[in-house]
PDB file of N, CA and C in Angstrom:
ATOM      1  N   MET A   1       0.790  -1.122  -0.249  1.00  0.00           N
ATOM      2  CA  MET A   1       0.315   0.191   0.157  1.00  0.00           C
ATOM      3  C   MET A   1       0.952   1.369  -0.050  1.00  0.00           C
ATOM      4  N   ALA A   2       1.769   1.519   0.699  1.00  0.00           N
ATOM      5  CA  ALA A   2       2.764   2.617   0.654  1.00  0.00           C
ATOM      6  C   ALA A   2       3.358   2.758  -0.440  1.00  0.00           C
ATOM      7  N   GLY A   3       4.028   1.632  -1.296  1.00  0.00           N
ATOM      8  CA  GLY A   3       4.695   1.685  -2.456  1.00  0.00           C
ATOM      9  C   GLY A   3       3.519   2.540  -3.389  1.00  0.00           C
ATOM     10  N   TYR A   4       2.295   1.833  -3.543  1.00  0.00           N
ATOM     11  CA  TYR A   4       1.097   2.257  -4.413  1.00  0.00           C
ATOM     12  C   TYR A   4       1.226   4.247  -3.806  1.00  0.00           C
ATOM     13  N   ILE A   5       0.995   4.409  -2.755  1.00  0.00           N
ATOM     14  CA  ILE A   5       1.021   5.861  -2.492  1.00  0.00           C
ATOM     15  C   ILE A   5       2.322   6.588  -2.969  1.00  0.00           C
ATOM     16  N   PHE A   6       3.316   6.276  -2.599  1.00  0.00           N
ATOM     17  CA  PHE A   6       4.402   6.716  -3.052  1.00  0.00           C
ATOM     18  C   PHE A   6       4.807   7.106  -4.639  1.00  0.00           C
ATOM     19  N   THR A   7       4.217   6.105  -5.713  1.00  0.00           N
ATOM     20  CA  THR A   7       3.803   5.861  -6.677  1.00  0.00           C
ATOM     21  C   THR A   7       2.937   6.993  -7.047  1.00  0.00           C
ATOM     22  N   TYR A   8       2.030   6.810  -6.468  1.00  0.00           N
ATOM     23  CA  TYR A   8       1.160   8.196  -7.097  1.00  0.00           C
ATOM     24  C   TYR A   8       1.763   9.428  -6.806  1.00  0.00           C
ATOM     25  N   ILE A   9       2.095   9.611  -5.854  1.00  0.00           N
ATOM     26  CA  ILE A   9       2.360  11.108  -5.449  1.00  0.00           C
ATOM     27  C   ILE A   9       3.559  11.231  -6.536  1.00  0.00           C
ATOM     28  N   ILE A  10       4.375  10.483  -6.382  1.00  0.00           N
ATOM     29  CA  ILE A  10       5.545  10.637  -7.903  1.00  0.00           C
ATOM     30  C   ILE A  10       4.859  10.921  -9.200  1.00  0.00           C
ATOM     31  N   GLU A  11       3.739  10.274  -9.466  1.00  0.00           N
ATOM     32  CA  GLU A  11       3.288   9.983 -10.818  1.00  0.00           C
ATOM     33  C   GLU A  11       2.531  11.548 -10.631  1.00  0.00           C
ATOM     34  N   THR A  12       1.821  12.006  -9.902  1.00  0.00           N
ATOM     35  CA  THR A  12       1.083  13.304  -9.850  1.00  0.00           C
ATOM     36  C   THR A  12       2.310  14.226  -9.921  1.00  0.00           C
ATOM     37  N   ALA A  13       3.127  14.653  -8.990  1.00  0.00           N
ATOM     38  CA  ALA A  13       4.373  15.434  -9.326  1.00  0.00           C
ATOM     39  C   ALA A  13       4.615  15.775 -10.708  1.00  0.00           C
ATOM     40  N   MET A  14       4.684  14.534 -11.543  1.00  0.00           N
ATOM     41  CA  MET A  14       5.339  14.759 -12.635  1.00  0.00           C
ATOM     42  C   MET A  14       4.559  15.260 -13.286  1.00  0.00           C
ATOM     43  N   GLU A  15       3.228  14.921 -13.321  1.00  0.00           N
ATOM     44  CA  GLU A  15       2.144  15.112 -14.333  1.00  0.00           C
ATOM     45  C   GLU A  15       1.973  16.818 -13.924  1.00  0.00           C
ATOM     46  N   ASN A  16       2.177  17.483 -12.929  1.00  0.00           N
ATOM     47  CA  ASN A  16       2.044  18.635 -12.780  1.00  0.00           C
ATOM     48  C   ASN A  16       3.153  19.979 -13.212  1.00  0.00           C
ATOM     49  N   ARG A  17       4.228  18.653 -12.947  1.00  0.00           N
ATOM     50  CA  ARG A  17       5.357  19.674 -13.728  1.00  0.00           C
ATOM     51  C   ARG A  17       5.479  19.750 -15.230  1.00  0.00           C
ATOM     52  N   THR A  18       4.785  18.701 -15.878  1.00  0.00           N
ATOM     53  CA  THR A  18       4.784  18.717 -17.604  1.00  0.00           C
ATOM     54  C   THR A  18       3.813  19.692 -17.810  1.00  0.00           C
ATOM     55  N   ARG A  19       2.506  19.729 -16.934  1.00  0.00           N
ATOM     56  CA  ARG A  19       1.401  20.635 -17.311  1.00  0.00           C
ATOM     57  C   ARG A  19       2.414  21.804 -17.295  1.00  0.00           C
ATOM     58  N   LEU A  20       2.637  22.275 -16.165  1.00  0.00           N
ATOM     59  CA  LEU A  20       3.226  23.194 -15.661  1.00  0.00           C
ATOM     60  C   LEU A  20       4.591  24.048 -16.753  1.00  0.00           C
ATOM     61  N   LEU A  21       5.397  23.301 -17.426  1.00  0.00           N
ATOM     62  CA  LEU A  21       6.154  23.364 -18.095  1.00  0.00           C
ATOM     63  C   LEU A  21       5.646  23.902 -19.817  1.00  0.00           C
ATOM     64  N   SER A  22       4.662  23.058 -19.741  1.00  0.00           N
ATOM     65  CA  SER A  22       4.104  23.190 -21.446  1.00  0.00           C
ATOM     66  C   SER A  22       2.665  24.725 -21.285  1.00  0.00           C
ATOM     67  N   ASN A  23       2.328  24.779 -20.069  1.00  0.00           N
ATOM     68  CA  ASN A  23       1.475  25.903 -20.061  1.00  0.00           C
ATOM     69  C   ASN A  23       1.858  27.280 -19.337  1.00  0.00           C
ATOM     70  N   TRP A  24       3.472  26.749 -18.951  1.00  0.00           N
ATOM     71  CA  TRP A  24       3.904  28.129 -18.647  1.00  0.00           C
ATOM     72  C   TRP A  24       4.005  29.781 -18.834  1.00  0.00           C
ATOM     73  N   ASN A  25       3.698  29.859 -20.411  1.00  0.00           N
ATOM     74  CA  ASN A  25       3.547  31.610 -20.535  1.00  0.00           C
ATOM     75  C   ASN A  25       2.386  31.821 -19.989  1.00  0.00           C
ATOM     76  N   ARG A  26       1.238  31.205 -20.201  1.00  0.00           N
ATOM     77  CA  ARG A  26       0.126  31.145 -19.779  1.00  0.00           C
ATOM     78  C   ARG A  26      -0.162  31.512 -18.296  1.00  0.00           C
ATOM     79  N   VAL A  27       0.413  30.951 -17.549  1.00  0.00           N
ATOM     80  CA  VAL A  27       0.509  30.970 -15.752  1.00  0.00           C
ATOM     81  C   VAL A  27       1.336  32.273 -15.803  1.00  0.00           C
ATOM     82  N   LYS A  28       2.825  32.344 -16.312  1.00  0.00           N
ATOM     83  CA  LYS A  28       3.534  33.524 -16.508  1.00  0.00           C
ATOM     84  C   LYS A  28       2.718  35.089 -16.364  1.00  0.00           C
ATOM     85  N   LYS A  29       1.736  34.951 -17.436  1.00  0.00           N
ATOM     86  CA  LYS A  29       0.887  36.039 -17.753  1.00  0.00           C
ATOM     87  C   LYS A  29      -0.119  36.415 -16.251  1.00  0.00           C
ATOM     88  N   ARG A  30      -0.962  35.178 -16.243  1.00  0.00           N
ATOM     89  CA  ARG A  30      -2.022  35.572 -14.973  1.00  0.00           C
ATOM     90  C   ARG A  30      -1.006  35.900 -13.862  1.00  0.00           C
ATOM     91  N   LEU A  31       0.437  35.093 -13.284  1.00  0.00           N
ATOM     92  CA  LEU A  31       1.034  35.886 -12.208  1.00  0.00           C
ATOM     93  C   LEU A  31       1.108  37.330 -12.553  1.00  0.00           C
ATOM     94  N   GLN A  32       1.667  37.744 -13.590  1.00  0.00           N
ATOM     95  CA  GLN A  32       1.962  39.216 -13.805  1.00  0.00           C
ATOM     96  C   GLN A  32       1.015  39.943 -13.458  1.00  0.00           C
ATOM     97  N   GLU A  33      -0.255  39.501 -14.206  1.00  0.00           N
ATOM     98  CA  GLU A  33      -1.827  40.509 -14.101  1.00  0.00           C
ATOM     99  C   GLU A  33      -2.351  40.537 -12.572  1.00  0.00           C
ATOM    100  N   LYS A  34      -1.988  39.315 -11.832  1.00  0.00           N
ATOM    101  CA  LYS A  34      -2.315  39.407 -10.176  1.00  0.00           C
ATOM    102  C   LYS A  34      -1.137  40.313  -9.598  1.00  0.00           C
ATOM    103  N   PHE A  35       0.152  39.714  -9.467  1.00  0.00           N
ATOM    104  CA  PHE A  35       1.379  40.406  -8.846  1.00  0.00           C
ATOM    105  C   PHE A  35       2.228  41.549 -10.213  1.00  0.00           C
ATOM    106  N   SER A  36       1.783  42.448 -10.393  1.00  0.00           N
ATOM    107  CA  SER A  36       2.688  43.609 -11.079  1.00  0.00           C
ATOM    108  C   SER A  36       4.331  43.408 -10.597  1.00  0.00           C
ATOM    109  N   ILE A  37       4.293  43.387  -9.433  1.00  0.00           N
ATOM    110  CA  ILE A  37       5.573  43.427  -8.888  1.00  0.00           C
ATOM    111  C   ILE A  37       6.545  42.241  -9.668  1.00  0.00           C
ATOM    112  N   LEU A  38       5.941  41.167  -9.935  1.00  0.00           N
ATOM    113  CA  LEU A  38       6.742  40.187 -10.707  1.00  0.00           C
ATOM    114  C   LEU A  38       7.378  40.799 -11.811  1.00  0.00           C
ATOM    115  N   THR A  39       8.378  40.332 -12.337  1.00  0.00           N
ATOM    116  CA  THR A  39       9.082  40.631 -13.548  1.00  0.00           C
ATOM    117  C   THR A  39       9.273  39.186 -14.512  1.00  0.00           C
ATOM    118  N   ASP A  40       9.670  39.799 -15.701  1.00  0.00           N
ATOM    119  CA  ASP A  40       9.812  38.557 -16.686  1.00  0.00           C
ATOM    120  C   ASP A  40      10.920  37.633 -16.330  1.00  0.00           C
ATOM    121  N   GLU A  41      12.092  38.393 -15.346  1.00  0.00           N
ATOM    122  CA  GLU A  41      13.212  37.916 -14.986  1.00  0.00           C
ATOM    123  C   GLU A  41      13.212  36.822 -13.924  1.00  0.00           C
ATOM    124  N   ASP A  42      11.985  37.539 -12.993  1.00  0.00           N
ATOM    125  CA  ASP A  42      11.357  36.708 -11.961  1.00  0.00           C
ATOM    126  C   ASP A  42      10.795  35.361 -12.065  1.00  0.00           C
ATOM    127  N   LEU A  43      10.368  35.651 -13.457  1.00  0.00           N
ATOM    128  CA  LEU A  43       9.447  34.160 -13.821  1.00  0.00           C
ATOM    129  C   LEU A  43      10.157  33.387 -15.020  1.00  0.00           C
ATOM    130  N   TYR A  44      11.669  33.638 -15.160  1.00  0.00           N
ATOM    131  CA  TYR A  44      12.442  32.914 -16.230  1.00  0.00           C
ATOM    132  C   TYR A  44      12.270  31.601 -15.696  1.00  0.00           C
ATOM    133  N   LEU A  45      11.337  30.690 -16.521  1.00  0.00           N
ATOM    134  CA  LEU A  45      11.613  29.098 -16.183  1.00  0.00           C
ATOM    135  C   LEU A  45      12.383  28.439 -17.313  1.00  0.00           C
ATOM    136  N   HIS A  46      12.783  27.427 -16.793  1.00  0.00           N
ATOM    137  CA  HIS A  46      13.810  26.413 -17.644  1.00  0.00           C
ATOM    138  C   HIS A  46      14.162  25.269 -16.237  1.00  0.00           C
ATOM    139  N   THR A  47      14.282  24.164 -17.201  1.00  0.00           N
ATOM    140  CA  THR A  47      14.210  22.978 -16.262  1.00  0.00           C
ATOM    141  C   THR A  47      15.275  23.246 -14.898  1.00  0.00           C
ATOM    142  N   GLU A  48      16.429  23.600 -15.156  1.00  0.00           N
ATOM    143  CA  GLU A  48      17.212  24.093 -13.906  1.00  0.00           C
ATOM    144  C   GLU A  48      17.041  24.867 -12.954  1.00  0.00           C
ATOM    145  N   ASN A  49      16.116  26.042 -13.172  1.00  0.00           N
ATOM    146  CA  ASN A  49      16.245  27.053 -12.125  1.00  0.00           C
ATOM    147  C   ASN A  49      14.632  26.727 -11.538  1.00  0.00           C
ATOM    148  N   GLN A  50      13.895  26.023 -11.361  1.00  0.00           N
ATOM    149  CA  GLN A  50      12.902  26.236 -10.910  1.00  0.00           C
ATOM    150  C   GLN A  50      12.801  26.194  -9.127  1.00  0.00           C
ATOM    151  N   ASP A  51      13.541  25.825  -8.848  1.00  0.00           N
ATOM    152  CA  ASP A  51      13.620  26.010  -7.305  1.00  0.00           C
ATOM    153  C   ASP A  51      14.017  27.561  -7.005  1.00  0.00           C
ATOM    154  N   GLU A  52      15.013  27.952  -7.735  1.00  0.00           N
ATOM    155  CA  GLU A  52      15.172  29.194  -7.828  1.00  0.00           C
ATOM    156  C   GLU A  52      14.187  30.438  -7.854  1.00  0.00           C
ATOM    157  N   MET A  53      13.713  29.939  -8.958  1.00  0.00           N
ATOM    158  CA  MET A  53      12.330  30.832  -9.622  1.00  0.00           C
ATOM    159  C   MET A  53      11.456  30.766  -8.025  1.00  0.00           C
ATOM    160  N   LEU A  54      10.935  29.478  -7.828  1.00  0.00           N
ATOM    161  CA  LEU A  54      10.344  29.829  -6.768  1.00  0.00           C
ATOM    162  C   LEU A  54      10.262  30.441  -5.886  1.00  0.00           C
ATOM    163  N   ARG A  55      11.562  30.383  -5.077  1.00  0.00           N
ATOM    164  CA  ARG A  55      12.126  31.042  -4.032  1.00  0.00           C
ATOM    165  C   ARG A  55      12.118  32.638  -4.168  1.00  0.00           C
ATOM    166  N   LYS A  56      12.627  33.068  -5.322  1.00  0.00           N
ATOM    167  CA  LYS A  56      12.578  34.153  -5.709  1.00  0.00           C
ATOM    168  C   LYS A  56      11.015  35.028  -5.751  1.00  0.00           C
ATOM    169  N   ILE A  57      10.289  34.220  -6.315  1.00  0.00           N
ATOM    170  CA  ILE A  57       8.927  34.766  -6.322  1.00  0.00           C
ATOM    171  C   ILE A  57       7.837  34.931  -4.913  1.00  0.00           C
ATOM    172  N   GLY A  58       8.376  33.941  -3.975  1.00  0.00           N
ATOM    173  CA  GLY A  58       8.372  33.770  -2.725  1.00  0.00           C
ATOM    174  C   GLY A  58       8.707  35.276  -1.713  1.00  0.00           C
ATOM    175  N   GLU A  59       9.990  35.482  -1.818  1.00  0.00           N
ATOM    176  CA  GLU A  59      10.510  36.516  -1.532  1.00  0.00           C
ATOM    177  C   GLU A  59       9.862  37.589  -1.803  1.00  0.00           C
ATOM    178  N   LYS A  60       9.609  37.909  -3.124  1.00  0.00           N
ATOM    179  CA  LYS A  60       9.295  39.213  -3.914  1.00  0.00           C
ATOM    180  C   LYS A  60       7.215  39.291  -3.159  1.00  0.00           C
ATOM    181  N   LEU A  61       6.708  38.747  -3.178  1.00  0.00           N
ATOM    182  CA  LEU A  61       5.548  38.035  -2.502  1.00  0.00           C
ATOM    183  C   LEU A  61       4.823  38.230  -1.030  1.00  0.00           C
ATOM    184  N   GLY A  62       6.218  37.901  -0.192  1.00  0.00           N
ATOM    185  CA  GLY A  62       6.317  37.380   0.812  1.00  0.00           C
ATOM    186  C   GLY A  62       5.649  36.270   1.338  1.00  0.00           C
ATOM    187  N   MET A  63       6.022  34.965   0.412  1.00  0.00           N
ATOM    188  CA  MET A  63       5.183  33.874   0.659  1.00  0.00           C
ATOM    189  C   MET A  63       6.157  32.858   0.977  1.00  0.00           C
ATOM    190  N   GLN A  64       6.054  31.686   1.361  1.00  0.00           N
ATOM    191  CA  GLN A  64       6.672  30.445   1.799  1.00  0.00           C
ATOM    192  C   GLN A  64       6.568  29.898   0.439  1.00  0.00           C
ATOM    193  N   ARG A  65       7.633  28.908  -0.106  1.00  0.00           N
ATOM    194  CA  ARG A  65       7.504  28.234  -1.391  1.00  0.00           C
ATOM    195  C   ARG A  65       6.187  27.433  -1.520  1.00  0.00           C
ATOM    196  N   GLN A  66       6.384  26.935  -0.585  1.00  0.00           N
ATOM    197  CA  GLN A  66       5.280  25.735  -0.687  1.00  0.00           C
ATOM    198  C   GLN A  66       3.776  26.722  -1.105  1.00  0.00           C
ATOM    199  N   PHE A  67       3.420  27.643  -0.615  1.00  0.00           N
ATOM    200  CA  PHE A  67       2.126  28.554  -1.140  1.00  0.00           C
ATOM    201  C   PHE A  67       2.322  28.998  -2.357  1.00  0.00           C
ATOM    202  N   VAL A  68       3.985  29.473  -2.892  1.00  0.00           N
ATOM    203  CA  VAL A  68       3.802  29.590  -3.987  1.00  0.00           C
ATOM    204  C   VAL A  68       3.550  28.530  -5.267  1.00  0.00           C
ATOM    205  N   LEU A  69       4.088  27.608  -4.952  1.00  0.00           N
ATOM    206  CA  LEU A  69       3.810  26.068  -5.911  1.00  0.00           C
ATOM    207  C   LEU A  69       2.328  26.273  -5.807  1.00  0.00           C
ATOM    208  N   LYS A  70       1.870  25.750  -4.344  1.00  0.00           N
ATOM    209  CA  LYS A  70       0.436  25.689  -4.359  1.00  0.00           C
ATOM    210  C   LYS A  70      -0.467  26.667  -5.472  1.00  0.00           C
ATOM    211  N   MET A  71      -0.124  27.943  -5.695  1.00  0.00           N
ATOM    212  CA  MET A  71      -0.876  28.967  -6.190  1.00  0.00           C
ATOM    213  C   MET A  71      -0.329  28.507  -7.487  1.00  0.00           C
ATOM    214  N   ILE A  72       0.608  28.461  -7.888  1.00  0.00           N
ATOM    215  CA  ILE A  72       0.921  28.401  -9.516  1.00  0.00           C
ATOM    216  C   ILE A  72      -0.046  27.116  -9.932  1.00  0.00           C
ATOM    217  N   THR A  73       0.339  25.792  -8.969  1.00  0.00           N
ATOM    218  CA  THR A  73      -0.745  24.843  -9.521  1.00  0.00           C
ATOM    219  C   THR A  73      -1.995  25.110  -9.883  1.00  0.00           C
ATOM    220  N   THR A  74      -2.626  25.832  -8.912  1.00  0.00           N
ATOM    221  CA  THR A  74      -3.916  26.304  -9.170  1.00  0.00           C
ATOM    222  C   THR A  74      -4.208  26.948 -10.411  1.00  0.00           C
ATOM    223  N   LEU A  75      -3.049  27.768 -10.832  1.00  0.00           N
ATOM    224  CA  LEU A  75      -3.101  28.638 -12.118  1.00  0.00           C
ATOM    225  C   LEU A  75      -3.201  27.522 -13.518  1.00  0.00           C
ATOM    226  N   LEU A  76      -2.755  26.981 -13.139  1.00  0.00           N
ATOM    227  CA  LEU A  76      -2.856  25.516 -14.418  1.00  0.00           C
ATOM    228  C   LEU A  76      -4.166  24.823 -14.341  1.00  0.00           C
TER     229      LEU A  76
END
């Protein structure tokens, strides 16, 4: 049972990552509409900088990384 749950969590995370990468321009636009303080540089995304980008957004908005990630996931 624990193995199934772990597999489900990993698969869900990978699906979210794929959705995020494929829809990033739309998500980026919505974030900039909602938070005009965010710049293109803050929202520059590629596979190697995802954690750094989440940290920058969190610092600018005064949010913890987990809340930034949850907010982005809801915009997908």
